Amino acid sequence: MSRKDLIADPVDEASKVVPLGAPHAKIPLPRNLYGAEHLNSMGLDLSNEHRLASLSSALLASAHHTWRAAPMLEDNEIAVGVGRDVRNPADQRDLVGTVVEAMREHVSAALAHALAAASIWQVTPVEARADCLARAADLLEVQMHTLMGLVVREAGKSLPNAVAEIREAIDFLRYYSTQIRDEFSNDTHRPLGPVGCISPWNFPLAIFMGQVAAALAAGNTVLAKPAEQTPLIAAQAVRILREAGVPAGAVQLLPGNGETVGAALVADSRTRAVMFTGSTEVARLINKTLSERLDPDQADSADRRDGRPECDDR
């Protein structure tokens, strides 16, 4: 490249584009950032007054919606039990919804359903599984305004963070959908079986959906245990996945605390893998339980590693 090319007037160069103001052929629009692979998630311009007006209306409607979470098993959503209030962490006067938490018997029943559904979901054509995830991504986009209201109120996020949270969940779904279309085959990629997905409160939709989508994409059935602080977001995510075509037996929700639901899920021999994002302390407990259950001979070696887990800790 010559010196003349380097010091060319950018205005003169732009004026040569025909028609004037047309986008550069080598610079994709944000929506097409990933090329032919899949669409980028749609953002939301919070500086646009018209966008803010429509968002305000949706947030107001969301505030009047009765949000509810309960164990969502293959055969039904548990309606009985004492509901716990879920309040806005930024304003305790704001009642966001209620949650009926799972008991140990719900965990056992869900695992039985997951085992029964595993043989069907694992032989479902890869293309069909990918289509389910892609449809779920589209549904999240359609419901973005409503979901923003829920994310802000239940998780205490700001509006820009809520937009980013939902977009990341959409991107996870489209990413795994694309990955399995391109690289997976039911003949060569064997699923593990029922997988427990334990997600944190600080990314209640993005990490929750990322874990669940990855497990579903690979042909595993999922038992999702969200953080006890954010069950309402998780419940809506599972409803969206089921609406997108994921069988109820392939994705079940078990809201509740870690000592009851999480411990029962990890300890049960029918759980063949655990996806976890959270504290080092909990990671060590999960690692110890799995090492003793899946291979008793390795339990002592796990202890000798000073309790350091071989699992995700973010």
C-alpha atoms as a PDB file:
ATOM      1  CA  MET A   1       0.000   0.000   0.000  1.00  0.00           C
ATOM      2  CA  SER A   2       1.408   3.383  -1.018  1.00  0.00           C
ATOM      3  CA  ARG A   3       1.700   6.496   1.117  1.00  0.00           C
ATOM      4  CA  LYS A   4      -0.919   8.106  -1.102  1.00  0.00           C
ATOM      5  CA  ASP A   5      -3.400   5.351  -0.233  1.00  0.00           C
ATOM      6  CA  LEU A   6      -2.747   5.745   3.474  1.00  0.00           C
ATOM      7  CA  ILE A   7      -3.351   9.499   3.551  1.00  0.00           C
ATOM      8  CA  ALA A   8      -6.374   9.526   1.239  1.00  0.00           C
ATOM      9  CA  ASP A   9      -9.185  11.813   2.414  1.00  0.00           C
ATOM     10  CA  PRO A  10     -11.870   9.577   3.974  1.00  0.00           C
ATOM     11  CA  VAL A  11     -14.605  11.937   2.767  1.00  0.00           C
ATOM     12  CA  ASP A  12     -13.361  11.618  -0.803  1.00  0.00           C
ATOM     13  CA  GLU A  13     -13.199   7.840  -0.440  1.00  0.00           C
ATOM     14  CA  ALA A  14     -16.730   7.671   0.961  1.00  0.00           C
ATOM     15  CA  SER A  15     -18.052   9.815  -1.904  1.00  0.00           C
ATOM     16  CA  LYS A  16     -16.877   7.181  -4.372  1.00  0.00           C
ATOM     17  CA  VAL A  17     -19.298   4.621  -2.938  1.00  0.00           C
ATOM     18  CA  VAL A  18     -22.243   4.157  -5.290  1.00  0.00           C
ATOM     19  CA  PRO A  19     -24.992   4.677  -4.411  1.00  0.00           C
ATOM     20  CA  LEU A  20     -23.877   7.359  -1.977  1.00  0.00           C
ATOM     21  CA  GLY A  21     -24.120   6.192   1.628  1.00  0.00           C
ATOM     22  CA  ALA A  22     -24.409   2.513   0.761  1.00  0.00           C
ATOM     23  CA  PRO A  23     -22.883   0.132   3.343  1.00  0.00           C
ATOM     24  CA  HIS A  24     -19.418  -1.246   2.728  1.00  0.00           C
ATOM     25  CA  ALA A  25     -19.643  -4.660   1.128  1.00  0.00           C
ATOM     26  CA  LYS A  26     -17.111  -6.122   3.573  1.00  0.00           C
ATOM     27  CA  ILE A  27     -18.678  -4.706   6.742  1.00  0.00           C
ATOM     28  CA  PRO A  28     -21.732  -6.778   7.741  1.00  0.00           C
ATOM     29  CA  LEU A  29     -24.688  -5.245   9.481  1.00  0.00           C
ATOM     30  CA  PRO A  30     -24.922  -6.152  13.194  1.00  0.00           C
ATOM     31  CA  ARG A  31     -27.723  -8.623  12.493  1.00  0.00           C
ATOM     32  CA  ASN A  32     -25.440 -10.476  10.033  1.00  0.00           C
ATOM     33  CA  LEU A  33     -22.317 -10.413  12.189  1.00  0.00           C
ATOM     34  CA  TYR A  34     -21.966 -14.211  12.134  1.00  0.00           C
ATOM     35  CA  GLY A  35     -22.379 -14.468   8.371  1.00  0.00           C
ATOM     36  CA  ALA A  36     -24.305 -17.414   7.017  1.00  0.00           C
ATOM     37  CA  GLU A  37     -24.017 -19.385  10.278  1.00  0.00           C
ATOM     38  CA  HIS A  38     -26.847 -17.755  12.189  1.00  0.00           C
ATOM     39  CA  LEU A  39     -28.422 -14.394  12.947  1.00  0.00           C
ATOM     40  CA  ASN A  40     -27.042 -12.207  15.701  1.00  0.00           C
ATOM     41  CA  SER A  41     -29.504 -11.416  18.482  1.00  0.00           C
ATOM     42  CA  MET A  42     -31.371  -8.147  18.133  1.00  0.00           C
ATOM     43  CA  GLY A  43     -30.351  -5.288  20.409  1.00  0.00           C
ATOM     44  CA  LEU A  44     -32.467  -2.473  21.741  1.00  0.00           C
ATOM     45  CA  ASP A  45     -31.593   1.204  21.324  1.00  0.00           C
ATOM     46  CA  LEU A  46     -32.328   2.675  24.739  1.00  0.00           C
ATOM     47  CA  SER A  47     -31.554   6.184  23.463  1.00  0.00           C
ATOM     48  CA  ASN A  48     -34.442   6.072  20.976  1.00  0.00           C
ATOM     49  CA  GLU A  49     -37.534   7.783  22.389  1.00  0.00           C
ATOM     50  CA  HIS A  50     -39.948   5.704  20.291  1.00  0.00           C
ATOM     51  CA  ARG A  51     -38.292   2.486  21.464  1.00  0.00           C
ATOM     52  CA  LEU A  52     -38.460   3.676  25.061  1.00  0.00           C
ATOM     53  CA  ALA A  53     -42.170   4.468  24.726  1.00  0.00           C
ATOM     54  CA  SER A  54     -43.014   0.944  23.536  1.00  0.00           C
ATOM     55  CA  LEU A  55     -40.691  -0.536  26.156  1.00  0.00           C
ATOM     56  CA  SER A  56     -42.396   1.475  28.895  1.00  0.00           C
ATOM     57  CA  SER A  57     -45.768   0.068  27.878  1.00  0.00           C
ATOM     58  CA  ALA A  58     -44.444  -3.501  27.865  1.00  0.00           C
ATOM     59  CA  LEU A  59     -42.749  -3.069  31.249  1.00  0.00           C
ATOM     60  CA  LEU A  60     -45.992  -1.761  32.739  1.00  0.00           C
ATOM     61  CA  ALA A  61     -47.900  -4.783  31.411  1.00  0.00           C
ATOM     62  CA  SER A  62     -45.174  -7.114  32.703  1.00  0.00           C
ATOM     63  CA  ALA A  63     -45.467  -5.574  36.172  1.00  0.00           C
ATOM     64  CA  HIS A  64     -49.134  -6.596  36.290  1.00  0.00           C
ATOM     65  CA  HIS A  65     -48.457 -10.161  35.158  1.00  0.00           C
ATOM     66  CA  THR A  66     -48.744 -12.844  37.847  1.00  0.00           C
ATOM     67  CA  TRP A  67     -45.413 -14.659  37.571  1.00  0.00           C
ATOM     68  CA  ARG A  68     -45.248 -18.132  39.031  1.00  0.00           C
ATOM     69  CA  ALA A  69     -42.718 -20.946  39.272  1.00  0.00           C
ATOM     70  CA  ALA A  70     -43.199 -24.520  40.466  1.00  0.00           C
ATOM     71  CA  PRO A  71     -41.698 -27.924  39.743  1.00  0.00           C
ATOM     72  CA  MET A  72     -42.396 -28.578  36.053  1.00  0.00           C
ATOM     73  CA  LEU A  73     -42.289 -32.322  35.531  1.00  0.00           C
ATOM     74  CA  GLU A  74     -43.028 -34.324  32.407  1.00  0.00           C
ATOM     75  CA  ASP A  75     -46.621 -35.006  33.344  1.00  0.00           C
ATOM     76  CA  ASN A  76     -47.644 -31.779  35.075  1.00  0.00           C
ATOM     77  CA  GLU A  77     -46.666 -28.556  36.816  1.00  0.00           C
ATOM     78  CA  ILE A  78     -46.921 -29.098  40.570  1.00  0.00           C
ATOM     79  CA  ALA A  79     -49.706 -26.855  41.810  1.00  0.00           C
ATOM     80  CA  VAL A  80     -49.744 -27.902  45.454  1.00  0.00           C
ATOM     81  CA  GLY A  81     -47.438 -26.715  48.190  1.00  0.00           C
ATOM     82  CA  VAL A  82     -46.776 -23.550  50.118  1.00  0.00           C
ATOM     83  CA  GLY A  83     -45.791 -20.767  47.758  1.00  0.00           C
ATOM     84  CA  ARG A  84     -42.892 -18.499  48.673  1.00  0.00           C
ATOM     85  CA  ASP A  85     -42.985 -14.819  47.737  1.00  0.00           C
ATOM     86  CA  VAL A  86     -40.347 -13.664  45.266  1.00  0.00           C
ATOM     87  CA  ARG A  87     -39.620  -9.968  45.760  1.00  0.00           C
ATOM     88  CA  ASN A  88     -37.650  -7.376  43.847  1.00  0.00           C
ATOM     89  CA  PRO A  89     -34.183  -7.226  45.514  1.00  0.00           C
ATOM     90  CA  ALA A  90     -34.035  -3.494  44.786  1.00  0.00           C
ATOM     91  CA  ASP A  91     -37.491  -2.814  46.268  1.00  0.00           C
ATOM     92  CA  GLN A  92     -38.834  -5.334  48.749  1.00  0.00           C
ATOM     93  CA  ARG A  93     -42.312  -3.796  48.450  1.00  0.00           C
ATOM     94  CA  ASP A  94     -42.515  -5.111  44.890  1.00  0.00           C
ATOM     95  CA  LEU A  95     -43.931  -8.652  44.846  1.00  0.00           C
ATOM     96  CA  VAL A  96     -42.745 -10.158  41.550  1.00  0.00           C
ATOM     97  CA  GLY A  97     -44.425 -13.539  41.935  1.00  0.00           C
ATOM     98  CA  THR A  98     -44.484 -16.781  43.885  1.00  0.00           C
ATOM     99  CA  VAL A  99     -42.592 -20.056  43.753  1.00  0.00           C
ATOM    100  CA  VAL A 100     -43.511 -23.532  44.958  1.00  0.00           C
ATOM    101  CA  GLU A 101     -40.203 -25.229  45.646  1.00  0.00           C
ATOM    102  CA  ALA A 102     -39.465 -28.835  44.755  1.00  0.00           C
ATOM    103  CA  MET A 103     -39.148 -31.570  47.347  1.00  0.00           C
ATOM    104  CA  ARG A 104     -36.965 -34.672  47.198  1.00  0.00           C
ATOM    105  CA  GLU A 105     -39.861 -36.727  45.849  1.00  0.00           C
ATOM    106  CA  HIS A 106     -40.179 -34.311  42.927  1.00  0.00           C
ATOM    107  CA  VAL A 107     -36.497 -34.808  42.121  1.00  0.00           C
ATOM    108  CA  SER A 108     -36.959 -38.565  42.067  1.00  0.00           C
ATOM    109  CA  ALA A 109     -40.086 -38.349  39.908  1.00  0.00           C
ATOM    110  CA  ALA A 110     -38.374 -35.964  37.488  1.00  0.00           C
ATOM    111  CA  LEU A 111     -35.423 -38.326  37.109  1.00  0.00           C
ATOM    112  CA  ALA A 112     -37.783 -41.202  36.340  1.00  0.00           C
ATOM    113  CA  HIS A 113     -39.409 -39.085  33.620  1.00  0.00           C
ATOM    114  CA  ALA A 114     -35.993 -38.010  32.294  1.00  0.00           C
ATOM    115  CA  LEU A 115     -34.876 -41.627  31.985  1.00  0.00           C
ATOM    116  CA  ALA A 116     -38.073 -42.566  30.166  1.00  0.00           C
ATOM    117  CA  ALA A 117     -37.724 -39.657  27.754  1.00  0.00           C
ATOM    118  CA  ALA A 118     -33.983 -40.151  27.178  1.00  0.00           C
ATOM    119  CA  SER A 119     -34.333 -42.935  24.617  1.00  0.00           C
ATOM    120  CA  ILE A 120     -36.718 -40.818  22.531  1.00  0.00           C
ATOM    121  CA  TRP A 121     -34.828 -37.519  22.716  1.00  0.00           C
ATOM    122  CA  GLN A 122     -31.430 -39.056  21.964  1.00  0.00           C
ATOM    123  CA  VAL A 123     -32.683 -40.589  18.700  1.00  0.00           C
ATOM    124  CA  THR A 124     -34.562 -37.444  17.666  1.00  0.00           C
ATOM    125  CA  PRO A 125     -32.881 -36.276  14.431  1.00  0.00           C
ATOM    126  CA  VAL A 126     -30.188 -33.676  15.040  1.00  0.00           C
ATOM    127  CA  GLU A 127     -31.957 -31.302  12.648  1.00  0.00           C
ATOM    128  CA  ALA A 128     -35.139 -31.512  14.721  1.00  0.00           C
ATOM    129  CA  ARG A 129     -33.282 -30.781  17.962  1.00  0.00           C
ATOM    130  CA  ALA A 130     -31.556 -27.838  16.285  1.00  0.00           C
ATOM    131  CA  ASP A 131     -34.903 -26.506  15.054  1.00  0.00           C
ATOM    132  CA  CYS A 132     -36.279 -26.568  18.605  1.00  0.00           C
ATOM    133  CA  LEU A 133     -33.387 -24.461  19.891  1.00  0.00           C
ATOM    134  CA  ALA A 134     -33.669 -22.030  16.977  1.00  0.00           C
ATOM    135  CA  ARG A 135     -37.392 -21.578  17.581  1.00  0.00           C
ATOM    136  CA  ALA A 136     -36.740 -20.957  21.284  1.00  0.00           C
ATOM    137  CA  ALA A 137     -34.275 -18.205  20.331  1.00  0.00           C
ATOM    138  CA  ASP A 138     -36.908 -16.572  18.133  1.00  0.00           C
ATOM    139  CA  LEU A 139     -39.475 -16.746  20.938  1.00  0.00           C
ATOM    140  CA  LEU A 140     -37.046 -15.086  23.353  1.00  0.00           C
ATOM    141  CA  GLU A 141     -36.593 -12.256  20.866  1.00  0.00           C
ATOM    142  CA  VAL A 142     -40.340 -11.823  20.465  1.00  0.00           C
ATOM    143  CA  GLN A 143     -40.780 -11.689  24.253  1.00  0.00           C
ATOM    144  CA  MET A 144     -37.750  -9.479  24.927  1.00  0.00           C
ATOM    145  CA  HIS A 145     -39.677  -6.491  26.310  1.00  0.00           C
ATOM    146  CA  THR A 146     -41.740  -8.633  28.678  1.00  0.00           C
ATOM    147  CA  LEU A 147     -38.710 -10.647  29.767  1.00  0.00           C
ATOM    148  CA  MET A 148     -36.780  -7.448  30.449  1.00  0.00           C
ATOM    149  CA  GLY A 149     -39.392  -6.459  33.007  1.00  0.00           C
ATOM    150  CA  LEU A 150     -39.054  -9.826  34.732  1.00  0.00           C
ATOM    151  CA  VAL A 151     -35.227  -9.809  34.671  1.00  0.00           C
ATOM    152  CA  VAL A 152     -35.085  -6.263  36.069  1.00  0.00           C
ATOM    153  CA  ARG A 153     -37.553  -6.970  38.850  1.00  0.00           C
ATOM    154  CA  GLU A 154     -36.494 -10.469  39.919  1.00  0.00           C
ATOM    155  CA  ALA A 155     -32.714 -10.222  39.417  1.00  0.00           C
ATOM    156  CA  GLY A 156     -32.285  -6.501  40.123  1.00  0.00           C
ATOM    157  CA  LYS A 157     -30.586  -5.804  36.796  1.00  0.00           C
ATOM    158  CA  SER A 158     -30.477  -2.480  35.000  1.00  0.00           C
ATOM    159  CA  LEU A 159     -32.212  -2.149  31.620  1.00  0.00           C
ATOM    160  CA  PRO A 160     -28.947  -2.324  29.590  1.00  0.00           C
ATOM    161  CA  ASN A 161     -27.901  -5.419  31.558  1.00  0.00           C
ATOM    162  CA  ALA A 162     -31.310  -6.989  30.991  1.00  0.00           C
ATOM    163  CA  VAL A 163     -30.951  -6.482  27.229  1.00  0.00           C
ATOM    164  CA  ALA A 164     -27.500  -8.094  27.307  1.00  0.00           C
ATOM    165  CA  GLU A 165     -28.791 -10.979  29.454  1.00  0.00           C
ATOM    166  CA  ILE A 166     -31.564 -11.874  27.033  1.00  0.00           C
ATOM    167  CA  ARG A 167     -29.355 -11.430  23.970  1.00  0.00           C
ATOM    168  CA  GLU A 168     -26.749 -13.802  25.426  1.00  0.00           C
ATOM    169  CA  ALA A 169     -29.417 -16.453  26.007  1.00  0.00           C
ATOM    170  CA  ILE A 170     -30.580 -16.068  22.398  1.00  0.00           C
ATOM    171  CA  ASP A 171     -27.010 -16.329  21.120  1.00  0.00           C
ATOM    172  CA  PHE A 172     -26.423 -19.514  23.143  1.00  0.00           C
ATOM    173  CA  LEU A 173     -29.484 -21.140  21.593  1.00  0.00           C
ATOM    174  CA  ARG A 174     -28.512 -20.190  18.049  1.00  0.00           C
ATOM    175  CA  TYR A 175     -24.879 -21.142  18.589  1.00  0.00           C
ATOM    176  CA  TYR A 176     -25.655 -24.673  19.781  1.00  0.00           C
ATOM    177  CA  SER A 177     -28.322 -25.070  17.114  1.00  0.00           C
ATOM    178  CA  THR A 178     -25.747 -24.227  14.441  1.00  0.00           C
ATOM    179  CA  GLN A 179     -23.030 -26.372  16.012  1.00  0.00           C
ATOM    180  CA  ILE A 180     -25.050 -29.563  15.992  1.00  0.00           C
ATOM    181  CA  ARG A 181     -26.344 -28.981  12.456  1.00  0.00           C
ATOM    182  CA  ASP A 182     -22.749 -28.735  11.230  1.00  0.00           C
ATOM    183  CA  GLU A 183     -20.895 -31.200  13.427  1.00  0.00           C
ATOM    184  CA  PHE A 184     -23.196 -33.698  15.150  1.00  0.00           C
ATOM    185  CA  SER A 185     -24.523 -37.094  14.169  1.00  0.00           C
ATOM    186  CA  ASN A 186     -26.601 -39.411  16.309  1.00  0.00           C
ATOM    187  CA  ASP A 187     -24.407 -42.245  15.062  1.00  0.00           C
ATOM    188  CA  THR A 188     -21.181 -40.750  16.424  1.00  0.00           C
ATOM    189  CA  HIS A 189     -22.233 -38.469  19.302  1.00  0.00           C
ATOM    190  CA  ARG A 190     -23.735 -40.477  22.123  1.00  0.00           C
ATOM    191  CA  PRO A 191     -25.505 -38.569  24.910  1.00  0.00           C
ATOM    192  CA  LEU A 192     -24.866 -39.315  28.569  1.00  0.00           C
ATOM    193  CA  GLY A 193     -28.471 -39.424  29.745  1.00  0.00           C
ATOM    194  CA  PRO A 194     -30.168 -37.234  32.402  1.00  0.00           C
ATOM    195  CA  VAL A 195     -28.068 -34.126  33.098  1.00  0.00           C
ATOM    196  CA  GLY A 196     -28.481 -31.806  36.078  1.00  0.00           C
ATOM    197  CA  CYS A 197     -28.042 -28.116  35.222  1.00  0.00           C
ATOM    198  CA  ILE A 198     -27.384 -25.891  38.257  1.00  0.00           C
ATOM    199  CA  SER A 199     -27.179 -22.190  37.410  1.00  0.00           C
ATOM    200  CA  PRO A 200     -26.406 -18.986  39.377  1.00  0.00           C
ATOM    201  CA  TRP A 201     -28.482 -15.942  40.280  1.00  0.00           C
ATOM    202  CA  ASN A 202     -26.231 -13.364  38.605  1.00  0.00           C
ATOM    203  CA  PHE A 203     -26.931 -14.671  35.075  1.00  0.00           C
ATOM    204  CA  PRO A 204     -30.407 -16.123  35.654  1.00  0.00           C
ATOM    205  CA  LEU A 205     -31.362 -16.461  31.983  1.00  0.00           C
ATOM    206  CA  ALA A 206     -28.097 -16.448  30.014  1.00  0.00           C
ATOM    207  CA  ILE A 207     -26.162 -19.125  31.917  1.00  0.00           C
ATOM    208  CA  PHE A 208     -29.362 -21.031  32.712  1.00  0.00           C
ATOM    209  CA  MET A 209     -30.248 -21.235  29.020  1.00  0.00           C
ATOM    210  CA  GLY A 210     -26.642 -21.832  27.966  1.00  0.00           C
ATOM    211  CA  GLN A 211     -26.331 -24.904  30.174  1.00  0.00           C
ATOM    212  CA  VAL A 212     -29.736 -26.295  29.220  1.00  0.00           C
ATOM    213  CA  ALA A 213     -29.278 -25.647  25.497  1.00  0.00           C
ATOM    214  CA  ALA A 214     -25.874 -27.360  25.426  1.00  0.00           C
ATOM    215  CA  ALA A 215     -27.202 -30.469  27.159  1.00  0.00           C
ATOM    216  CA  LEU A 216     -30.338 -30.641  24.995  1.00  0.00           C
ATOM    217  CA  ALA A 217     -28.365 -30.107  21.798  1.00  0.00           C
ATOM    218  CA  ALA A 218     -26.194 -33.131  22.587  1.00  0.00           C
ATOM    219  CA  GLY A 219     -29.285 -35.299  23.061  1.00  0.00           C
ATOM    220  CA  ASN A 220     -29.377 -35.382  26.859  1.00  0.00           C
ATOM    221  CA  THR A 221     -32.495 -34.919  28.940  1.00  0.00           C
ATOM    222  CA  VAL A 222     -32.283 -32.019  31.389  1.00  0.00           C
ATOM    223  CA  LEU A 223     -33.238 -31.415  35.010  1.00  0.00           C
ATOM    224  CA  ALA A 224     -32.778 -27.688  35.540  1.00  0.00           C
ATOM    225  CA  LYS A 225     -32.199 -26.388  39.047  1.00  0.00           C
ATOM    226  CA  PRO A 226     -32.039 -22.563  38.986  1.00  0.00           C
ATOM    227  CA  ALA A 227     -30.718 -20.357  41.766  1.00  0.00           C
ATOM    228  CA  GLU A 228     -33.287 -20.042  44.531  1.00  0.00           C
ATOM    229  CA  GLN A 229     -33.253 -16.247  44.081  1.00  0.00           C
ATOM    230  CA  THR A 230     -34.408 -16.345  40.431  1.00  0.00           C
ATOM    231  CA  PRO A 231     -36.887 -19.187  39.816  1.00  0.00           C
ATOM    232  CA  LEU A 232     -39.434 -17.095  37.894  1.00  0.00           C
ATOM    233  CA  ILE A 233     -37.041 -16.342  35.035  1.00  0.00           C
ATOM    234  CA  ALA A 234     -36.087 -20.017  34.823  1.00  0.00           C
ATOM    235  CA  ALA A 235     -39.728 -21.114  34.742  1.00  0.00           C
ATOM    236  CA  GLN A 236     -40.457 -18.802  31.830  1.00  0.00           C
ATOM    237  CA  ALA A 237     -37.372 -20.087  30.015  1.00  0.00           C
ATOM    238  CA  VAL A 238     -38.578 -23.688  30.351  1.00  0.00           C
ATOM    239  CA  ARG A 239     -42.043 -22.702  29.117  1.00  0.00           C
ATOM    240  CA  ILE A 240     -40.431 -21.143  26.046  1.00  0.00           C
ATOM    241  CA  LEU A 241     -38.327 -24.250  25.359  1.00  0.00           C
ATOM    242  CA  ARG A 242     -41.412 -26.452  25.583  1.00  0.00           C
ATOM    243  CA  GLU A 243     -43.396 -24.083  23.362  1.00  0.00           C
ATOM    244  CA  ALA A 244     -40.530 -24.329  20.850  1.00  0.00           C
ATOM    245  CA  GLY A 245     -41.017 -28.093  20.661  1.00  0.00           C
ATOM    246  CA  VAL A 246     -38.698 -29.579  23.294  1.00  0.00           C
ATOM    247  CA  PRO A 247     -40.626 -32.490  24.880  1.00  0.00           C
ATOM    248  CA  ALA A 248     -41.663 -31.946  28.483  1.00  0.00           C
ATOM    249  CA  GLY A 249     -39.755 -35.060  29.547  1.00  0.00           C
ATOM    250  CA  ALA A 250     -36.562 -33.698  28.000  1.00  0.00           C
ATOM    251  CA  VAL A 251     -36.538 -30.462  30.002  1.00  0.00           C
ATOM    252  CA  GLN A 252     -37.926 -30.295  33.549  1.00  0.00           C
ATOM    253  CA  LEU A 253     -37.652 -27.574  36.176  1.00  0.00           C
ATOM    254  CA  LEU A 254     -36.810 -28.162  39.834  1.00  0.00           C
ATOM    255  CA  PRO A 255     -36.788 -24.840  41.719  1.00  0.00           C
ATOM    256  CA  GLY A 256     -35.563 -24.925  45.294  1.00  0.00           C
ATOM    257  CA  ASN A 257     -32.530 -24.574  47.500  1.00  0.00           C
ATOM    258  CA  GLY A 258     -29.234 -26.310  46.966  1.00  0.00           C
ATOM    259  CA  GLU A 259     -29.279 -28.281  50.209  1.00  0.00           C
ATOM    260  CA  THR A 260     -32.552 -30.007  49.247  1.00  0.00           C
ATOM    261  CA  VAL A 261     -32.945 -30.060  45.470  1.00  0.00           C
ATOM    262  CA  GLY A 262     -29.351 -29.671  44.330  1.00  0.00           C
ATOM    263  CA  ALA A 263     -28.000 -32.243  46.779  1.00  0.00           C
ATOM    264  CA  ALA A 264     -30.672 -34.806  45.879  1.00  0.00           C
ATOM    265  CA  LEU A 265     -30.069 -34.286  42.166  1.00  0.00           C
ATOM    266  CA  VAL A 266     -26.287 -34.671  42.409  1.00  0.00           C
ATOM    267  CA  ALA A 267     -26.450 -37.701  44.715  1.00  0.00           C
ATOM    268  CA  ASP A 268     -28.926 -39.714  42.643  1.00  0.00           C
ATOM    269  CA  SER A 269     -27.290 -42.415  40.515  1.00  0.00           C
ATOM    270  CA  ARG A 270     -29.678 -41.672  37.636  1.00  0.00           C
ATOM    271  CA  THR A 271     -28.034 -38.256  37.134  1.00  0.00           C
ATOM    272  CA  ARG A 272     -25.241 -38.998  34.677  1.00  0.00           C
ATOM    273  CA  ALA A 273     -23.609 -35.550  34.608  1.00  0.00           C
ATOM    274  CA  VAL A 274     -23.829 -32.159  36.285  1.00  0.00           C
ATOM    275  CA  MET A 275     -23.312 -28.758  34.679  1.00  0.00           C
ATOM    276  CA  PHE A 276     -22.578 -26.176  37.359  1.00  0.00           C
ATOM    277  CA  THR A 277     -21.641 -22.520  37.550  1.00  0.00           C
ATOM    278  CA  GLY A 278     -21.233 -21.033  41.003  1.00  0.00           C
ATOM    279  CA  SER A 279     -19.049 -20.858  44.072  1.00  0.00           C
ATOM    280  CA  THR A 280     -15.876 -22.839  44.684  1.00  0.00           C
ATOM    281  CA  GLU A 281     -17.330 -24.204  47.918  1.00  0.00           C
ATOM    282  CA  VAL A 282     -20.366 -25.719  46.182  1.00  0.00           C
ATOM    283  CA  ALA A 283     -18.205 -26.941  43.292  1.00  0.00           C
ATOM    284  CA  ARG A 284     -16.073 -28.903  45.758  1.00  0.00           C
ATOM    285  CA  LEU A 285     -19.144 -30.517  47.313  1.00  0.00           C
ATOM    286  CA  ILE A 286     -20.507 -31.503  43.906  1.00  0.00           C
ATOM    287  CA  ASN A 287     -17.118 -32.818  42.818  1.00  0.00           C
ATOM    288  CA  LYS A 288     -16.751 -34.925  45.965  1.00  0.00           C
ATOM    289  CA  THR A 289     -20.251 -36.391  45.669  1.00  0.00           C
ATOM    290  CA  LEU A 290     -19.816 -37.278  42.007  1.00  0.00           C
ATOM    291  CA  SER A 291     -16.364 -38.768  42.503  1.00  0.00           C
ATOM    292  CA  GLU A 292     -17.672 -41.039  45.260  1.00  0.00           C
ATOM    293  CA  ARG A 293     -20.779 -42.019  43.307  1.00  0.00           C
ATOM    294  CA  LEU A 294     -19.383 -42.435  39.789  1.00  0.00           C
ATOM    295  CA  ASP A 295     -16.042 -43.958  40.808  1.00  0.00           C
ATOM    296  CA  PRO A 296     -15.538 -44.763  44.515  1.00  0.00           C
ATOM    297  CA  ASP A 297     -11.847 -45.499  43.886  1.00  0.00           C
ATOM    298  CA  GLN A 298     -11.282 -41.854  42.943  1.00  0.00           C
ATOM    299  CA  ALA A 299     -12.907 -40.381  46.036  1.00  0.00           C
ATOM    300  CA  ASP A 300      -9.674 -40.449  48.037  1.00  0.00           C
ATOM    301  CA  SER A 301      -7.662 -38.903  45.205  1.00  0.00           C
ATOM    302  CA  ALA A 302     -10.223 -36.090  44.982  1.00  0.00           C
ATOM    303  CA  ASP A 303      -9.658 -35.372  48.662  1.00  0.00           C
ATOM    304  CA  ARG A 304      -5.879 -35.429  48.199  1.00  0.00           C
ATOM    305  CA  ARG A 305      -6.183 -32.630  45.626  1.00  0.00           C
ATOM    306  CA  ASP A 306      -7.059 -30.364  48.577  1.00  0.00           C
ATOM    307  CA  GLY A 307     -10.663 -30.408  47.498  1.00  0.00           C
ATOM    308  CA  ARG A 308      -9.894 -28.582  44.247  1.00  0.00           C
ATOM    309  CA  PRO A 309     -12.718 -29.393  41.812  1.00  0.00           C
ATOM    310  CA  GLU A 310     -12.411 -30.250  38.164  1.00  0.00           C
ATOM    311  CA  CYS A 311     -15.447 -28.241  37.224  1.00  0.00           C
ATOM    312  CA  ASP A 312     -16.446 -24.785  36.103  1.00  0.00           C
ATOM    313  CA  ASP A 313     -16.061 -21.990  38.634  1.00  0.00           C
ATOM    314  CA  ARG A 314     -16.933 -18.559  37.368  1.00  0.00           C
END
